[in-house]
Amino acid sequence: MTEFILDLIHSWGYFGIAVLMFLENVFPPIPSEVIMSLGGVMVGQGRFDYWTLVAFAVAGTTLGNWVWYWIGRWYGYERLKPLVDRYGRWLTLDWDEVEKLHDWFIRYGSGIVFVMRFMPIARTMVSLPAGMVAMNQAKFLIWTAAGSTIWIAALAGAGSWFGRQFAEVERFIGPVALVAIGSIILLYIYRVVTWKPKVRED
């Protein structure tokens, strides 16, 4: 997985970053923290331009979230429930959690899309209730891009700093990325193994 990320960035440049950020939102576990940190390191080494990198990454992230928006909009609130009930273990998601996101969305309005972009898990899943309540697409895309820009710019900035400070940082990129991705996979496996559907009290 680490070699795949590095090869794609080296071969496709900015477009590779956009593709990886798209996949990160649609098919986890490719963590944005790893992708943008690697991209930021290349900024620090003079291979990428900072704001061009951020722009491509935001575009990929926004498109990835748009997929989940349309899943929510196409399925709708009621049609999505049987899917979550059936595949909840593999999604590591309970219908109560979907309802909670839905209720937050109704209570706090479209601005919740912006706020949730800073949350590790909810930043992608919040796109589902946005679609389920048929949030205006322009507002959804604007709030998603705005929140994602701040998050991505911070990650890229941190990577850029390391890239400037440590000339041999590439020696540590592979092992660090491998540990990060491996941790996410192990966390997913743990959640799948220990997942239990919540018993509803009528």
N, C-alpha and C. Protein backbone atom coordinates (compact mmCIF):
# COMPACT_ATOMS: atom_id res chain seq x y z
N MET A 1 0.82 -1.21 0.00
CA MET A 1 0.00 0.00 0.00
C MET A 1 0.85 1.26 0.00
N THR A 2 1.92 1.25 0.82
CA THR A 2 2.80 2.41 0.88
C THR A 2 3.47 2.67 -0.46
N GLU A 3 3.96 1.59 -1.09
CA GLU A 3 4.61 1.73 -2.40
C GLU A 3 3.61 2.22 -3.44
N PHE A 4 2.37 1.76 -3.34
CA PHE A 4 1.33 2.21 -4.27
C PHE A 4 1.13 3.72 -4.16
N ILE A 5 1.05 4.24 -2.94
CA ILE A 5 0.86 5.67 -2.73
C ILE A 5 2.05 6.45 -3.28
N LEU A 6 3.24 6.02 -2.93
CA LEU A 6 4.44 6.74 -3.38
C LEU A 6 4.59 6.68 -4.90
N ASP A 7 4.36 5.52 -5.48
CA ASP A 7 4.48 5.38 -6.94
C ASP A 7 3.47 6.26 -7.67
N LEU A 8 2.25 6.31 -7.14
CA LEU A 8 1.22 7.13 -7.79
C LEU A 8 1.55 8.61 -7.71
N ILE A 9 2.06 9.04 -6.58
CA ILE A 9 2.45 10.45 -6.43
C ILE A 9 3.62 10.78 -7.37
N HIS A 10 4.61 9.90 -7.41
CA HIS A 10 5.78 10.15 -8.26
C HIS A 10 5.41 10.12 -9.74
N SER A 11 4.53 9.20 -10.13
CA SER A 11 4.19 9.03 -11.54
C SER A 11 3.17 10.06 -12.04
N TRP A 12 2.16 10.35 -11.23
CA TRP A 12 1.05 11.20 -11.67
C TRP A 12 1.10 12.61 -11.10
N GLY A 13 2.00 12.86 -10.17
CA GLY A 13 2.13 14.20 -9.64
C GLY A 13 0.88 14.68 -8.92
N TYR A 14 0.46 15.91 -9.22
CA TYR A 14 -0.72 16.50 -8.57
C TYR A 14 -1.97 15.65 -8.80
N PHE A 15 -2.11 15.13 -10.01
CA PHE A 15 -3.29 14.32 -10.32
C PHE A 15 -3.31 13.05 -9.46
N GLY A 16 -2.13 12.51 -9.18
CA GLY A 16 -2.04 11.35 -8.29
C GLY A 16 -2.53 11.68 -6.90
N ILE A 17 -2.20 12.88 -6.42
CA ILE A 17 -2.70 13.33 -5.11
C ILE A 17 -4.22 13.41 -5.14
N ALA A 18 -4.79 13.98 -6.20
CA ALA A 18 -6.24 14.10 -6.31
C ALA A 18 -6.91 12.74 -6.32
N VAL A 19 -6.33 11.78 -7.05
CA VAL A 19 -6.90 10.43 -7.12
C VAL A 19 -6.84 9.76 -5.75
N LEU A 20 -5.71 9.89 -5.06
CA LEU A 20 -5.57 9.28 -3.74
C LEU A 20 -6.54 9.88 -2.74
N MET A 21 -6.74 11.19 -2.79
CA MET A 21 -7.68 11.83 -1.86
C MET A 21 -9.11 11.45 -2.19
N PHE A 22 -9.40 11.24 -3.46
CA PHE A 22 -10.73 10.74 -3.85
C PHE A 22 -10.95 9.35 -3.27
N LEU A 23 -9.96 8.47 -3.46
CA LEU A 23 -10.07 7.10 -2.96
C LEU A 23 -10.14 7.07 -1.44
N GLU A 24 -9.42 7.98 -0.79
CA GLU A 24 -9.41 8.03 0.67
C GLU A 24 -10.80 8.25 1.23
N ASN A 25 -11.62 8.99 0.51
CA ASN A 25 -12.98 9.28 0.97
C ASN A 25 -13.99 8.22 0.54
N VAL A 26 -13.69 7.50 -0.53
CA VAL A 26 -14.64 6.50 -1.03
C VAL A 26 -14.28 5.10 -0.56
N PHE A 27 -12.98 4.78 -0.58
CA PHE A 27 -12.54 3.42 -0.23
C PHE A 27 -11.44 3.50 0.83
N PRO A 28 -11.79 3.76 2.08
CA PRO A 28 -10.76 3.68 3.13
C PRO A 28 -10.20 2.26 3.18
N PRO A 29 -9.02 1.97 3.76
CA PRO A 29 -8.29 2.90 4.62
C PRO A 29 -7.02 3.46 3.96
N ILE A 30 -7.15 4.51 3.18
CA ILE A 30 -5.98 5.25 2.71
C ILE A 30 -6.03 6.60 3.42
N PRO A 31 -5.35 6.76 4.54
CA PRO A 31 -5.53 7.96 5.36
C PRO A 31 -5.02 9.23 4.70
N SER A 32 -5.83 10.29 4.79
CA SER A 32 -5.44 11.58 4.23
C SER A 32 -4.20 12.12 4.93
N GLU A 33 -4.03 11.78 6.22
CA GLU A 33 -2.87 12.24 6.95
C GLU A 33 -1.57 11.78 6.29
N VAL A 34 -1.56 10.53 5.81
CA VAL A 34 -0.37 10.00 5.15
C VAL A 34 -0.19 10.64 3.77
N ILE A 35 -1.27 10.69 3.00
CA ILE A 35 -1.20 11.24 1.64
C ILE A 35 -0.70 12.67 1.64
N MET A 36 -1.34 13.51 2.46
CA MET A 36 -0.99 14.94 2.45
C MET A 36 0.36 15.21 3.11
N SER A 37 0.72 14.39 4.07
CA SER A 37 2.06 14.55 4.66
C SER A 37 3.14 14.26 3.64
N LEU A 38 2.93 13.20 2.85
CA LEU A 38 3.89 12.88 1.79
C LEU A 38 3.93 13.99 0.75
N GLY A 39 2.75 14.49 0.37
CA GLY A 39 2.71 15.59 -0.59
C GLY A 39 3.40 16.82 -0.04
N GLY A 40 3.19 17.09 1.27
CA GLY A 40 3.83 18.24 1.90
C GLY A 40 5.34 18.11 1.93
N VAL A 41 5.83 16.91 2.18
CA VAL A 41 7.29 16.68 2.16
C VAL A 41 7.86 17.06 0.80
N MET A 42 7.14 16.69 -0.26
CA MET A 42 7.61 17.02 -1.61
C MET A 42 7.56 18.52 -1.89
N VAL A 43 6.64 19.22 -1.22
CA VAL A 43 6.63 20.68 -1.30
C VAL A 43 7.90 21.23 -0.66
N GLY A 44 8.22 20.71 0.52
CA GLY A 44 9.42 21.16 1.23
C GLY A 44 10.69 20.88 0.45
N GLN A 45 10.67 19.83 -0.38
CA GLN A 45 11.84 19.48 -1.18
C GLN A 45 11.84 20.18 -2.54
N GLY A 46 10.83 21.01 -2.79
CA GLY A 46 10.78 21.77 -4.03
C GLY A 46 10.18 21.04 -5.22
N ARG A 47 9.55 19.89 -5.00
CA ARG A 47 8.98 19.12 -6.10
C ARG A 47 7.56 19.57 -6.45
N PHE A 48 6.82 20.04 -5.45
CA PHE A 48 5.46 20.50 -5.65
C PHE A 48 5.31 21.95 -5.20
N ASP A 49 4.32 22.62 -5.79
CA ASP A 49 3.92 23.93 -5.31
C ASP A 49 2.84 23.74 -4.26
N TYR A 50 2.95 24.45 -3.15
CA TYR A 50 2.06 24.23 -2.00
C TYR A 50 0.59 24.40 -2.36
N TRP A 51 0.21 25.54 -2.92
CA TRP A 51 -1.21 25.81 -3.15
C TRP A 51 -1.77 24.99 -4.30
N THR A 52 -0.94 24.64 -5.27
CA THR A 52 -1.41 23.74 -6.33
C THR A 52 -1.70 22.36 -5.75
N LEU A 53 -0.83 21.91 -4.85
CA LEU A 53 -1.04 20.64 -4.17
C LEU A 53 -2.35 20.66 -3.38
N VAL A 54 -2.56 21.72 -2.62
CA VAL A 54 -3.79 21.84 -1.82
C VAL A 54 -5.02 21.85 -2.72
N ALA A 55 -4.95 22.57 -3.83
CA ALA A 55 -6.11 22.67 -4.74
C ALA A 55 -6.48 21.31 -5.32
N PHE A 56 -5.50 20.54 -5.75
CA PHE A 56 -5.79 19.22 -6.31
C PHE A 56 -6.33 18.28 -5.22
N ALA A 57 -5.76 18.36 -4.04
CA ALA A 57 -6.21 17.51 -2.94
C ALA A 57 -7.65 17.84 -2.54
N VAL A 58 -7.97 19.11 -2.48
CA VAL A 58 -9.33 19.52 -2.13
C VAL A 58 -10.31 19.05 -3.21
N ALA A 59 -9.91 19.14 -4.46
CA ALA A 59 -10.78 18.68 -5.55
C ALA A 59 -11.07 17.19 -5.42
N GLY A 60 -10.04 16.39 -5.13
CA GLY A 60 -10.23 14.95 -4.97
C GLY A 60 -11.10 14.62 -3.77
N THR A 61 -10.87 15.31 -2.65
CA THR A 61 -11.66 15.10 -1.44
C THR A 61 -13.12 15.46 -1.66
N THR A 62 -13.36 16.59 -2.31
CA THR A 62 -14.73 17.04 -2.55
C THR A 62 -15.49 16.07 -3.45
N LEU A 63 -14.83 15.57 -4.48
CA LEU A 63 -15.47 14.59 -5.37
C LEU A 63 -15.77 13.29 -4.63
N GLY A 64 -14.84 12.86 -3.77
CA GLY A 64 -15.05 11.65 -3.00
C GLY A 64 -16.25 11.77 -2.07
N ASN A 65 -16.38 12.91 -1.42
CA ASN A 65 -17.52 13.14 -0.54
C ASN A 65 -18.82 13.28 -1.32
N TRP A 66 -18.71 13.78 -2.54
CA TRP A 66 -19.89 13.91 -3.39
C TRP A 66 -20.47 12.53 -3.71
N VAL A 67 -19.62 11.51 -3.81
CA VAL A 67 -20.10 10.14 -4.03
C VAL A 67 -21.02 9.71 -2.88
N TRP A 68 -20.56 9.95 -1.63
CA TRP A 68 -21.36 9.58 -0.47
C TRP A 68 -22.64 10.42 -0.38
N TYR A 69 -22.54 11.67 -0.80
CA TYR A 69 -23.74 12.52 -0.85
C TYR A 69 -24.80 11.89 -1.74
N TRP A 70 -24.39 11.42 -2.92
CA TRP A 70 -25.35 10.84 -3.86
C TRP A 70 -25.85 9.48 -3.43
N ILE A 71 -25.01 8.74 -2.67
CA ILE A 71 -25.49 7.48 -2.10
C ILE A 71 -26.64 7.77 -1.13
N GLY A 72 -26.43 8.75 -0.27
CA GLY A 72 -27.47 9.14 0.67
C GLY A 72 -28.71 9.67 -0.02
N ARG A 73 -28.50 10.45 -1.06
CA ARG A 73 -29.65 11.04 -1.76
C ARG A 73 -30.41 10.00 -2.56
N TRP A 74 -29.69 9.08 -3.18
CA TRP A 74 -30.34 8.07 -4.01
C TRP A 74 -31.10 7.06 -3.16
N TYR A 75 -30.46 6.61 -2.06
CA TYR A 75 -31.11 5.64 -1.20
C TYR A 75 -32.22 6.27 -0.37
N GLY A 76 -31.95 7.46 0.13
CA GLY A 76 -32.92 8.09 1.01
C GLY A 76 -32.85 7.52 2.42
N TYR A 77 -33.51 8.18 3.33
CA TYR A 77 -33.41 7.84 4.75
C TYR A 77 -33.92 6.42 5.03
N GLU A 78 -35.09 6.08 4.53
CA GLU A 78 -35.70 4.78 4.83
C GLU A 78 -35.03 3.63 4.07
N ARG A 79 -34.68 3.86 2.82
CA ARG A 79 -34.09 2.79 2.01
C ARG A 79 -32.68 2.44 2.46
N LEU A 80 -32.02 3.39 3.13
CA LEU A 80 -30.66 3.14 3.58
C LEU A 80 -30.62 2.22 4.80
N LYS A 81 -31.69 2.23 5.59
CA LYS A 81 -31.70 1.45 6.83
C LYS A 81 -31.47 -0.04 6.62
N PRO A 82 -32.18 -0.71 5.69
CA PRO A 82 -31.91 -2.15 5.48
C PRO A 82 -30.47 -2.44 5.08
N LEU A 83 -29.87 -1.52 4.32
CA LEU A 83 -28.47 -1.70 3.90
C LEU A 83 -27.54 -1.65 5.11
N VAL A 84 -27.75 -0.69 5.98
CA VAL A 84 -26.92 -0.56 7.19
C VAL A 84 -27.16 -1.74 8.12
N ASP A 85 -28.42 -2.14 8.26
CA ASP A 85 -28.73 -3.29 9.12
C ASP A 85 -28.05 -4.56 8.62
N ARG A 86 -28.00 -4.72 7.31
CA ARG A 86 -27.44 -5.94 6.73
C ARG A 86 -25.92 -5.95 6.73
N TYR A 87 -25.32 -4.81 6.39
CA TYR A 87 -23.86 -4.75 6.25
C TYR A 87 -23.21 -3.91 7.35
N GLY A 88 -23.93 -3.71 8.45
CA GLY A 88 -23.41 -2.86 9.53
C GLY A 88 -22.08 -3.31 10.07
N ARG A 89 -21.89 -4.63 10.17
CA ARG A 89 -20.61 -5.14 10.70
C ARG A 89 -19.45 -4.71 9.83
N TRP A 90 -19.60 -4.84 8.50
CA TRP A 90 -18.49 -4.51 7.59
C TRP A 90 -18.33 -3.01 7.43
N LEU A 91 -19.41 -2.27 7.63
CA LEU A 91 -19.32 -0.82 7.60
C LEU A 91 -18.88 -0.28 8.96
N THR A 92 -18.87 -1.18 9.98
CA THR A 92 -18.63 -0.82 11.39
C THR A 92 -19.51 0.37 11.75
N LEU A 93 -20.77 0.26 11.35
CA LEU A 93 -21.70 1.36 11.51
C LEU A 93 -23.05 0.81 11.95
N ASP A 94 -23.64 1.42 12.95
CA ASP A 94 -24.95 1.04 13.42
C ASP A 94 -25.96 2.08 12.96
N TRP A 95 -27.21 1.65 12.77
CA TRP A 95 -28.22 2.60 12.32
C TRP A 95 -28.41 3.74 13.30
N ASP A 96 -28.21 3.47 14.58
CA ASP A 96 -28.32 4.54 15.58
C ASP A 96 -27.30 5.65 15.31
N GLU A 97 -26.13 5.26 14.82
CA GLU A 97 -25.10 6.26 14.52
C GLU A 97 -25.51 7.10 13.31
N VAL A 98 -26.14 6.45 12.33
CA VAL A 98 -26.65 7.19 11.17
C VAL A 98 -27.74 8.16 11.60
N GLU A 99 -28.62 7.70 12.48
CA GLU A 99 -29.69 8.56 12.98
C GLU A 99 -29.13 9.75 13.76
N LYS A 100 -28.06 9.48 14.51
CA LYS A 100 -27.44 10.57 15.28
C LYS A 100 -26.87 11.64 14.35
N LEU A 101 -26.17 11.19 13.29
CA LEU A 101 -25.65 12.15 12.31
C LEU A 101 -26.78 12.90 11.63
N HIS A 102 -27.83 12.17 11.31
CA HIS A 102 -29.00 12.78 10.66
C HIS A 102 -29.62 13.84 11.57
N ASP A 103 -29.78 13.51 12.86
CA ASP A 103 -30.36 14.46 13.81
C ASP A 103 -29.49 15.69 13.99
N TRP A 104 -28.16 15.47 14.05
CA TRP A 104 -27.25 16.61 14.15
C TRP A 104 -27.38 17.52 12.94
N PHE A 105 -27.53 16.90 11.79
CA PHE A 105 -27.64 17.67 10.57
C PHE A 105 -28.91 18.53 10.58
N ILE A 106 -30.01 17.91 11.00
CA ILE A 106 -31.28 18.62 11.07
C ILE A 106 -31.21 19.75 12.10
N ARG A 107 -30.56 19.48 13.22
CA ARG A 107 -30.50 20.46 14.31
C ARG A 107 -29.60 21.65 13.99
N TYR A 108 -28.42 21.37 13.44
CA TYR A 108 -27.43 22.42 13.27
C TYR A 108 -27.36 22.99 11.86
N GLY A 109 -28.04 22.35 10.92
CA GLY A 109 -28.07 22.88 9.57
C GLY A 109 -26.85 22.52 8.74
N SER A 110 -26.75 23.12 7.57
CA SER A 110 -25.71 22.76 6.61
C SER A 110 -24.30 23.06 7.10
N GLY A 111 -24.15 23.96 8.07
CA GLY A 111 -22.83 24.30 8.58
C GLY A 111 -22.13 23.11 9.23
N ILE A 112 -22.91 22.09 9.63
CA ILE A 112 -22.33 20.90 10.25
C ILE A 112 -21.40 20.19 9.27
N VAL A 113 -21.66 20.33 7.97
CA VAL A 113 -20.79 19.73 6.96
C VAL A 113 -19.39 20.32 7.06
N PHE A 114 -19.31 21.63 7.28
CA PHE A 114 -18.02 22.31 7.43
C PHE A 114 -17.29 21.83 8.68
N VAL A 115 -18.01 21.80 9.81
CA VAL A 115 -17.40 21.44 11.10
C VAL A 115 -16.90 20.01 11.10
N MET A 116 -17.69 19.09 10.51
CA MET A 116 -17.34 17.68 10.54
C MET A 116 -16.12 17.33 9.69
N ARG A 117 -15.68 18.23 8.83
CA ARG A 117 -14.50 17.96 8.00
C ARG A 117 -13.24 17.84 8.84
N PHE A 118 -13.32 18.24 10.12
CA PHE A 118 -12.15 18.14 10.99
C PHE A 118 -12.20 16.91 11.89
N MET A 119 -13.26 16.09 11.76
CA MET A 119 -13.41 14.90 12.58
C MET A 119 -12.91 13.67 11.81
N PRO A 120 -12.09 12.83 12.43
CA PRO A 120 -11.46 11.70 11.73
C PRO A 120 -12.44 10.78 11.00
N ILE A 121 -13.55 10.40 11.64
CA ILE A 121 -14.47 9.44 11.03
C ILE A 121 -15.65 10.15 10.39
N ALA A 122 -16.22 11.11 11.12
CA ALA A 122 -17.47 11.75 10.68
C ALA A 122 -17.28 12.62 9.45
N ARG A 123 -16.04 13.02 9.11
CA ARG A 123 -15.87 13.95 8.00
C ARG A 123 -16.31 13.37 6.66
N THR A 124 -16.30 12.05 6.55
CA THR A 124 -16.82 11.42 5.34
C THR A 124 -18.28 11.03 5.51
N MET A 125 -18.62 10.44 6.66
CA MET A 125 -19.97 9.92 6.87
C MET A 125 -21.02 11.02 6.93
N VAL A 126 -20.64 12.26 7.25
CA VAL A 126 -21.62 13.34 7.31
C VAL A 126 -22.22 13.62 5.93
N SER A 127 -21.54 13.16 4.88
CA SER A 127 -22.07 13.36 3.53
C SER A 127 -23.34 12.54 3.31
N LEU A 128 -23.49 11.43 4.02
CA LEU A 128 -24.69 10.60 3.89
C LEU A 128 -25.96 11.35 4.30
N PRO A 129 -26.03 11.89 5.53
CA PRO A 129 -27.24 12.63 5.89
C PRO A 129 -27.45 13.87 5.05
N ALA A 130 -26.35 14.47 4.58
CA ALA A 130 -26.50 15.63 3.69
C ALA A 130 -27.27 15.24 2.44
N GLY A 131 -26.96 14.07 1.90
CA GLY A 131 -27.69 13.58 0.74
C GLY A 131 -29.09 13.14 1.07
N MET A 132 -29.26 12.51 2.25
CA MET A 132 -30.57 12.00 2.65
C MET A 132 -31.60 13.12 2.81
N VAL A 133 -31.15 14.28 3.28
CA VAL A 133 -32.09 15.40 3.44
C VAL A 133 -32.08 16.31 2.21
N ALA A 134 -31.40 15.84 1.14
CA ALA A 134 -31.35 16.58 -0.13
C ALA A 134 -30.84 18.01 0.06
N MET A 135 -29.73 18.13 0.79
CA MET A 135 -29.10 19.43 0.96
C MET A 135 -28.74 20.01 -0.40
N ASN A 136 -28.88 21.31 -0.54
CA ASN A 136 -28.51 21.99 -1.78
C ASN A 136 -27.08 21.61 -2.17
N GLN A 137 -26.92 21.12 -3.40
CA GLN A 137 -25.61 20.61 -3.82
C GLN A 137 -24.52 21.67 -3.82
N ALA A 138 -24.87 22.88 -4.24
CA ALA A 138 -23.87 23.94 -4.26
C ALA A 138 -23.36 24.24 -2.86
N LYS A 139 -24.29 24.30 -1.88
CA LYS A 139 -23.88 24.54 -0.50
C LYS A 139 -23.04 23.38 0.03
N PHE A 140 -23.45 22.16 -0.31
CA PHE A 140 -22.70 20.99 0.14
C PHE A 140 -21.27 21.04 -0.38
N LEU A 141 -21.10 21.32 -1.65
CA LEU A 141 -19.77 21.35 -2.25
C LEU A 141 -18.93 22.49 -1.69
N ILE A 142 -19.56 23.64 -1.46
CA ILE A 142 -18.84 24.80 -0.93
C ILE A 142 -18.37 24.53 0.50
N TRP A 143 -19.28 24.03 1.36
CA TRP A 143 -18.92 23.74 2.75
C TRP A 143 -17.87 22.63 2.82
N THR A 144 -18.02 21.63 1.98
CA THR A 144 -17.05 20.52 1.95
C THR A 144 -15.67 21.02 1.54
N ALA A 145 -15.62 21.81 0.47
CA ALA A 145 -14.33 22.34 -0.01
C ALA A 145 -13.70 23.27 1.01
N ALA A 146 -14.53 24.09 1.67
CA ALA A 146 -14.00 25.06 2.64
C ALA A 146 -13.38 24.35 3.84
N GLY A 147 -14.13 23.41 4.42
CA GLY A 147 -13.60 22.68 5.58
C GLY A 147 -12.40 21.82 5.21
N SER A 148 -12.46 21.19 4.06
CA SER A 148 -11.37 20.32 3.62
C SER A 148 -10.10 21.12 3.33
N THR A 149 -10.26 22.34 2.83
CA THR A 149 -9.10 23.18 2.53
C THR A 149 -8.27 23.45 3.79
N ILE A 150 -8.95 23.76 4.88
CA ILE A 150 -8.25 24.05 6.13
C ILE A 150 -7.51 22.81 6.62
N TRP A 151 -8.20 21.67 6.62
CA TRP A 151 -7.60 20.42 7.09
C TRP A 151 -6.42 20.01 6.22
N ILE A 152 -6.61 20.06 4.91
CA ILE A 152 -5.57 19.64 3.97
C ILE A 152 -4.38 20.58 4.01
N ALA A 153 -4.65 21.89 4.09
CA ALA A 153 -3.56 22.87 4.14
C ALA A 153 -2.70 22.67 5.38
N ALA A 154 -3.33 22.31 6.50
CA ALA A 154 -2.57 22.07 7.73
C ALA A 154 -1.68 20.83 7.60
N LEU A 155 -2.22 19.77 7.04
CA LEU A 155 -1.44 18.54 6.86
C LEU A 155 -0.28 18.76 5.90
N ALA A 156 -0.57 19.44 4.79
CA ALA A 156 0.48 19.70 3.80
C ALA A 156 1.54 20.63 4.37
N GLY A 157 1.12 21.59 5.18
CA GLY A 157 2.07 22.50 5.81
C GLY A 157 3.02 21.78 6.76
N ALA A 158 2.46 20.85 7.53
CA ALA A 158 3.30 20.07 8.46
C ALA A 158 4.30 19.22 7.68
N GLY A 159 3.83 18.58 6.62
CA GLY A 159 4.72 17.76 5.79
C GLY A 159 5.80 18.60 5.13
N SER A 160 5.43 19.80 4.70
CA SER A 160 6.39 20.70 4.06
C SER A 160 7.49 21.10 5.04
N TRP A 161 7.10 21.36 6.28
CA TRP A 161 8.09 21.74 7.30
C TRP A 161 9.10 20.62 7.50
N PHE A 162 8.60 19.39 7.61
CA PHE A 162 9.51 18.25 7.79
C PHE A 162 10.39 18.08 6.56
N GLY A 163 9.83 18.30 5.38
CA GLY A 163 10.61 18.15 4.16
C GLY A 163 11.76 19.14 4.09
N ARG A 164 11.55 20.34 4.65
CA ARG A 164 12.62 21.35 4.65
C ARG A 164 13.65 21.10 5.74
N GLN A 165 13.20 20.56 6.86
CA GLN A 165 14.09 20.39 8.01
C GLN A 165 15.01 19.17 7.92
N PHE A 166 14.48 18.12 7.29
CA PHE A 166 15.23 16.87 7.29
C PHE A 166 15.49 16.41 5.85
N ALA A 167 16.75 16.50 5.45
CA ALA A 167 17.10 16.21 4.05
C ALA A 167 16.85 14.74 3.72
N GLU A 168 16.99 13.85 4.71
CA GLU A 168 16.84 12.42 4.45
C GLU A 168 15.48 11.90 4.94
N VAL A 169 14.48 12.78 4.93
CA VAL A 169 13.17 12.39 5.46
C VAL A 169 12.55 11.23 4.67
N GLU A 170 12.92 11.09 3.38
CA GLU A 170 12.33 10.02 2.57
C GLU A 170 12.68 8.63 3.11
N ARG A 171 13.77 8.53 3.84
CA ARG A 171 14.15 7.23 4.41
C ARG A 171 13.10 6.76 5.42
N PHE A 172 12.40 7.73 6.02
CA PHE A 172 11.45 7.39 7.08
C PHE A 172 10.01 7.38 6.58
N ILE A 173 9.78 7.85 5.34
CA ILE A 173 8.42 7.95 4.82
C ILE A 173 7.75 6.59 4.73
N GLY A 174 8.44 5.64 4.12
CA GLY A 174 7.86 4.31 3.94
C GLY A 174 7.45 3.66 5.24
N PRO A 175 8.38 3.53 6.22
CA PRO A 175 8.03 2.90 7.50
C PRO A 175 6.91 3.62 8.24
N VAL A 176 6.94 4.95 8.26
CA VAL A 176 5.91 5.71 8.98
C VAL A 176 4.55 5.51 8.32
N ALA A 177 4.52 5.59 6.99
CA ALA A 177 3.26 5.39 6.27
C ALA A 177 2.74 3.98 6.48
N LEU A 178 3.65 3.00 6.49
CA LEU A 178 3.26 1.61 6.68
C LEU A 178 2.64 1.41 8.07
N VAL A 179 3.23 2.03 9.07
CA VAL A 179 2.70 1.93 10.43
C VAL A 179 1.32 2.58 10.51
N ALA A 180 1.16 3.74 9.89
CA ALA A 180 -0.12 4.45 9.94
C ALA A 180 -1.22 3.64 9.26
N ILE A 181 -0.93 3.15 8.06
CA ILE A 181 -1.93 2.36 7.33
C ILE A 181 -2.22 1.05 8.05
N GLY A 182 -1.18 0.41 8.55
CA GLY A 182 -1.36 -0.84 9.28
C GLY A 182 -2.21 -0.65 10.52
N SER A 183 -2.01 0.48 11.21
CA SER A 183 -2.81 0.76 12.41
C SER A 183 -4.28 0.92 12.07
N ILE A 184 -4.55 1.60 10.96
CA ILE A 184 -5.94 1.80 10.54
C ILE A 184 -6.59 0.48 10.16
N ILE A 185 -5.84 -0.37 9.46
CA ILE A 185 -6.38 -1.69 9.08
C ILE A 185 -6.67 -2.53 10.32
N LEU A 186 -5.75 -2.53 11.28
CA LEU A 186 -5.95 -3.28 12.51
C LEU A 186 -7.15 -2.75 13.29
N LEU A 187 -7.31 -1.42 13.32
CA LEU A 187 -8.46 -0.82 13.99
C LEU A 187 -9.75 -1.24 13.32
N TYR A 188 -9.74 -1.28 11.98
CA TYR A 188 -10.93 -1.72 11.25
C TYR A 188 -11.25 -3.18 11.57
N ILE A 189 -10.24 -4.04 11.55
CA ILE A 189 -10.46 -5.45 11.86
C ILE A 189 -11.01 -5.61 13.27
N TYR A 190 -10.45 -4.84 14.21
CA TYR A 190 -10.94 -4.89 15.60
C TYR A 190 -12.41 -4.49 15.68
N ARG A 191 -12.78 -3.43 14.96
CA ARG A 191 -14.17 -2.98 14.99
C ARG A 191 -15.10 -4.00 14.35
N VAL A 192 -14.64 -4.66 13.29
CA VAL A 192 -15.47 -5.69 12.65
C VAL A 192 -15.67 -6.87 13.59
N VAL A 193 -14.59 -7.31 14.24
CA VAL A 193 -14.66 -8.48 15.12
C VAL A 193 -15.52 -8.20 16.36
N THR A 194 -15.39 -7.00 16.91
CA THR A 194 -16.08 -6.69 18.17
C THR A 194 -17.43 -6.02 17.95
N TRP A 195 -17.79 -5.75 16.70
CA TRP A 195 -19.05 -5.04 16.41
C TRP A 195 -20.27 -5.85 16.80
N LYS A 196 -21.19 -5.23 17.49
CA LYS A 196 -22.45 -5.87 17.84
C LYS A 196 -23.59 -4.88 17.57
N PRO A 197 -24.66 -5.35 16.95
CA PRO A 197 -25.79 -4.44 16.72
C PRO A 197 -26.42 -4.02 18.04
N LYS A 198 -26.80 -2.77 18.13
CA LYS A 198 -27.43 -2.29 19.36
C LYS A 198 -28.87 -2.79 19.44
N VAL A 199 -29.23 -3.19 20.63
CA VAL A 199 -30.59 -3.68 20.84
C VAL A 199 -31.49 -2.49 21.14
N ARG A 200 -32.51 -2.33 20.34
CA ARG A 200 -33.43 -1.21 20.51
C ARG A 200 -34.42 -1.51 21.64
N GLU A 201 -34.64 -0.51 22.45
CA GLU A 201 -35.63 -0.63 23.50
C GLU A 201 -36.91 0.04 23.06
N ASP A 202 -37.96 -0.72 22.89
CA ASP A 202 -39.24 -0.19 22.43
C ASP A 202 -40.02 0.38 23.62
